[in-house]
N, C-alpha and C. Protein backbone atom coordinates (compact mmCIF):
# COMPACT_ATOMS: atom_id res chain seq x y z
N MET A 1 0.78 -1.20 0.03
CA MET A 1 0.09 -0.08 0.10
C MET A 1 0.89 1.09 0.03
N LYS A 2 0.65 2.15 -0.99
CA LYS A 2 1.49 3.32 -1.00
C LYS A 2 0.81 4.46 -0.02
N THR A 3 1.61 5.08 0.67
CA THR A 3 1.17 6.05 1.62
C THR A 3 1.44 7.42 0.89
N ALA A 4 0.60 8.40 1.25
CA ALA A 4 0.54 9.82 0.60
C ALA A 4 1.85 10.72 1.11
N ASN A 5 2.00 10.36 2.44
CA ASN A 5 3.03 11.15 3.16
C ASN A 5 4.00 10.07 3.77
N PRO A 6 5.23 9.94 3.04
CA PRO A 6 6.03 8.97 3.36
C PRO A 6 6.88 9.15 4.78
N ILE A 7 7.15 8.37 5.43
CA ILE A 7 8.09 8.58 6.79
C ILE A 7 9.17 7.65 6.59
N THR A 8 10.41 8.17 7.13
CA THR A 8 11.37 7.11 7.26
C THR A 8 11.90 6.83 8.51
N LYS A 9 12.74 5.75 8.56
CA LYS A 9 13.12 5.48 10.07
C LYS A 9 14.25 6.34 10.26
N GLY A 10 14.37 6.93 11.49
CA GLY A 10 15.51 7.82 11.89
C GLY A 10 15.07 9.18 11.99
N GLN A 11 13.85 9.60 11.40
CA GLN A 11 13.41 10.89 11.46
C GLN A 11 13.16 11.36 13.05
N THR A 12 13.47 12.47 13.34
CA THR A 12 13.19 12.74 14.75
C THR A 12 12.05 13.91 14.79
N TYR A 13 11.21 13.83 15.68
CA TYR A 13 10.21 14.80 16.04
C TYR A 13 10.29 15.09 17.49
N GLY A 14 10.79 16.32 17.82
CA GLY A 14 11.04 16.47 19.32
C GLY A 14 11.88 15.50 20.03
N TYR A 15 11.60 14.90 20.81
CA TYR A 15 12.44 13.76 21.49
C TYR A 15 12.21 12.50 21.03
N ALA A 16 11.35 12.31 20.07
CA ALA A 16 11.13 11.00 19.56
C ALA A 16 11.80 10.60 18.22
N THR A 17 12.28 9.58 18.06
CA THR A 17 12.88 9.05 16.85
C THR A 17 12.04 7.80 16.30
N VAL A 18 11.74 7.97 14.83
CA VAL A 18 10.88 7.02 14.33
C VAL A 18 11.73 5.55 14.17
N VAL A 19 10.99 4.71 14.70
CA VAL A 19 11.80 3.20 14.45
C VAL A 19 11.00 2.51 13.44
N ASP A 20 9.66 2.48 13.32
CA ASP A 20 8.80 1.65 12.36
C ASP A 20 7.58 2.12 12.19
N GLU A 21 6.92 1.82 11.01
CA GLU A 21 5.57 2.18 10.89
C GLU A 21 4.67 0.84 11.30
N LEU A 22 3.58 0.94 12.25
CA LEU A 22 2.91 0.02 12.61
C LEU A 22 1.58 -0.09 11.75
N PRO A 23 0.81 -1.26 11.77
CA PRO A 23 -0.36 -1.27 11.09
C PRO A 23 -1.34 -0.34 11.40
N ARG A 24 -2.22 0.17 10.55
CA ARG A 24 -3.15 1.12 10.68
C ARG A 24 -4.26 0.72 11.81
N ARG A 25 -4.56 1.69 12.61
CA ARG A 25 -5.69 1.48 13.53
C ARG A 25 -6.94 2.06 13.40
N ARG A 26 -8.05 1.30 13.59
CA ARG A 26 -9.41 1.75 13.49
C ARG A 26 -9.77 2.45 14.73
N MET A 27 -10.21 3.76 14.64
CA MET A 27 -10.61 4.41 15.92
C MET A 27 -12.11 4.24 16.14
N PRO A 28 -12.60 4.44 17.32
CA PRO A 28 -13.95 4.28 17.84
C PRO A 28 -15.00 5.09 16.75
N CYS A 29 -14.45 6.13 16.36
CA CYS A 29 -15.17 7.15 15.41
C CYS A 29 -15.26 6.55 14.09
N GLY A 30 -14.48 5.43 13.62
CA GLY A 30 -14.59 4.84 12.57
C GLY A 30 -13.52 5.13 11.33
N SER A 31 -12.78 6.27 11.74
CA SER A 31 -11.62 6.89 11.07
C SER A 31 -10.40 5.68 11.18
N VAL A 32 -9.51 5.52 10.34
CA VAL A 32 -8.40 4.87 10.30
C VAL A 32 -7.03 5.70 10.30
N LYS A 33 -6.24 5.54 11.41
CA LYS A 33 -5.13 6.39 11.63
C LYS A 33 -3.90 5.58 11.43
N ARG A 34 -2.76 6.29 10.76
CA ARG A 34 -1.34 5.71 10.75
C ARG A 34 -0.73 5.70 12.19
N MET A 35 -0.24 4.66 12.37
CA MET A 35 0.53 4.46 13.85
C MET A 35 2.04 4.23 13.55
N ILE A 36 2.67 4.94 14.33
CA ILE A 36 4.31 4.94 14.29
C ILE A 36 4.77 4.51 15.49
N GLN A 37 5.75 3.67 15.55
CA GLN A 37 6.65 3.26 16.68
C GLN A 37 7.71 4.14 16.69
N CYS A 38 8.01 4.58 17.90
CA CYS A 38 9.10 5.52 18.29
C CYS A 38 9.86 5.21 19.38
N ARG A 39 11.11 5.71 19.46
CA ARG A 39 12.05 5.63 20.61
C ARG A 39 12.25 6.99 21.13
N CYS A 40 12.11 7.08 22.61
CA CYS A 40 12.30 8.27 23.13
C CYS A 40 13.69 8.51 23.48
N VAL A 41 14.26 9.68 23.91
CA VAL A 41 15.51 9.87 24.39
C VAL A 41 15.81 9.16 25.58
N CYS A 42 14.91 8.96 26.43
CA CYS A 42 14.93 8.11 27.51
C CYS A 42 15.15 6.66 27.32
N GLY A 43 14.87 6.07 26.02
CA GLY A 43 15.06 4.63 25.71
C GLY A 43 13.73 4.01 25.56
N LYS A 44 12.78 4.46 26.04
CA LYS A 44 11.23 3.85 26.07
C LYS A 44 10.79 3.96 24.56
N VAL A 45 10.36 2.79 24.12
CA VAL A 45 9.66 2.64 22.75
C VAL A 45 8.18 2.74 22.99
N PHE A 46 7.49 3.58 22.26
CA PHE A 46 5.97 3.74 22.40
C PHE A 46 5.47 3.85 20.91
N SER A 47 4.04 3.90 20.71
CA SER A 47 3.34 4.00 19.68
C SER A 47 2.61 5.19 19.70
N VAL A 48 2.42 5.97 18.59
CA VAL A 48 1.79 7.22 18.53
C VAL A 48 1.13 7.39 17.02
N GLN A 49 0.08 8.17 17.00
CA GLN A 49 -0.52 8.43 15.68
C GLN A 49 0.31 9.38 14.93
N LEU A 50 0.55 9.10 13.77
CA LEU A 50 1.62 9.91 12.75
C LEU A 50 0.91 11.30 12.81
N ASN A 51 -0.21 11.71 12.69
CA ASN A 51 -0.82 13.11 12.84
C ASN A 51 -0.27 13.79 14.18
N ASN A 52 -0.27 13.24 15.22
CA ASN A 52 -0.11 13.79 16.41
C ASN A 52 1.38 13.93 16.72
N LEU A 53 2.12 13.16 16.06
CA LEU A 53 3.64 13.27 15.91
C LEU A 53 4.08 14.53 15.10
N ARG A 54 3.53 14.59 13.83
CA ARG A 54 3.83 15.41 13.06
C ARG A 54 3.42 16.88 13.44
N SER A 55 2.24 17.06 14.22
CA SER A 55 1.63 18.23 14.61
C SER A 55 2.37 18.82 15.66
N GLY A 56 3.19 18.02 16.42
CA GLY A 56 3.93 18.45 17.76
C GLY A 56 3.19 18.24 18.82
N SER A 57 1.96 17.82 18.95
CA SER A 57 1.22 17.57 20.08
C SER A 57 1.91 16.25 20.94
N VAL A 58 2.75 15.48 20.29
CA VAL A 58 3.29 14.45 21.18
C VAL A 58 4.95 14.66 20.58
N LYS A 59 5.60 14.81 21.66
CA LYS A 59 7.08 15.20 21.41
C LYS A 59 7.90 14.24 22.21
N SER A 60 7.34 13.34 23.15
CA SER A 60 8.11 12.29 23.76
C SER A 60 7.17 11.21 24.33
N CYS A 61 7.71 10.30 25.07
CA CYS A 61 6.86 9.19 25.64
C CYS A 61 6.08 9.80 26.84
N GLY A 62 6.50 10.89 27.34
CA GLY A 62 5.68 11.45 28.49
C GLY A 62 6.82 11.71 29.65
N CYS A 63 8.16 11.31 29.37
CA CYS A 63 9.29 11.53 30.41
C CYS A 63 9.53 13.06 30.46
N ILE A 64 9.57 13.80 29.42
CA ILE A 64 9.89 14.98 29.38
C ILE A 64 8.76 15.87 30.23
N ARG A 65 7.58 15.55 29.98
CA ARG A 65 6.58 16.17 30.81
C ARG A 65 6.68 15.82 32.22
N ASN A 66 6.90 14.69 32.56
CA ASN A 66 7.07 14.38 34.00
C ASN A 66 8.10 14.94 34.68
N ALA A 67 9.16 15.18 33.93
CA ALA A 67 10.47 15.87 34.55
C ALA A 67 10.10 17.46 34.83
N PHE A 68 9.50 17.92 33.78
CA PHE A 68 8.94 19.43 33.90
C PHE A 68 8.08 19.50 35.17
N LEU A 69 7.10 18.54 35.31
CA LEU A 69 6.00 18.74 36.61
C LEU A 69 6.87 18.50 37.74
N ARG A 70 7.88 17.71 37.75
CA ARG A 70 8.87 17.51 38.93
C ARG A 70 9.31 18.83 39.39
N THR A 71 10.01 19.46 38.59
CA THR A 71 10.55 20.71 38.68
C THR A 71 9.76 21.88 39.10
N ALA A 72 8.58 21.86 38.51
CA ALA A 72 7.69 22.88 38.51
C ALA A 72 6.96 22.94 39.83
N SER A 73 6.79 21.83 40.51
CA SER A 73 6.17 21.58 41.87
C SER A 73 7.17 21.81 43.04
N LEU A 74 8.12 22.25 42.63
CA LEU A 74 9.29 22.48 43.82
C LEU A 74 9.16 23.65 44.37
N ARG A 75 9.02 23.94 45.62
CA ARG A 75 9.09 25.24 46.25
C ARG A 75 10.26 26.01 46.28
N HIS A 76 10.57 27.21 46.13
CA HIS A 76 11.74 27.95 46.27
C HIS A 76 12.31 28.03 47.65
N GLY A 77 11.41 27.97 48.71
CA GLY A 77 11.80 27.92 50.05
C GLY A 77 12.11 29.27 50.63
N MET A 78 11.53 30.35 49.79
CA MET A 78 11.89 31.63 50.40
C MET A 78 10.49 32.48 50.55
N SER A 79 9.55 31.90 51.37
CA SER A 79 8.37 32.63 51.43
C SER A 79 8.41 33.52 52.73
N HIS A 80 9.36 33.26 53.43
CA HIS A 80 9.31 34.32 54.74
C HIS A 80 10.76 35.04 54.53
């Protein structure tokens, strides 16, 4: 099956690097989405919809968000 927008292994989007293209997945609404397997900079392998990866709404496996939330929730200790 030919795809309209080819994606190659090794392309990076944010902190994710494309490993492979997975079989298409049918969503509950009936649409069919292209799925991509990626490797994050932390080493975790995860799957994501191609359109979410290309739009920038997914940049990592979630490790970057978790690291940001850890540092954002720290107090500066200078309240008094």
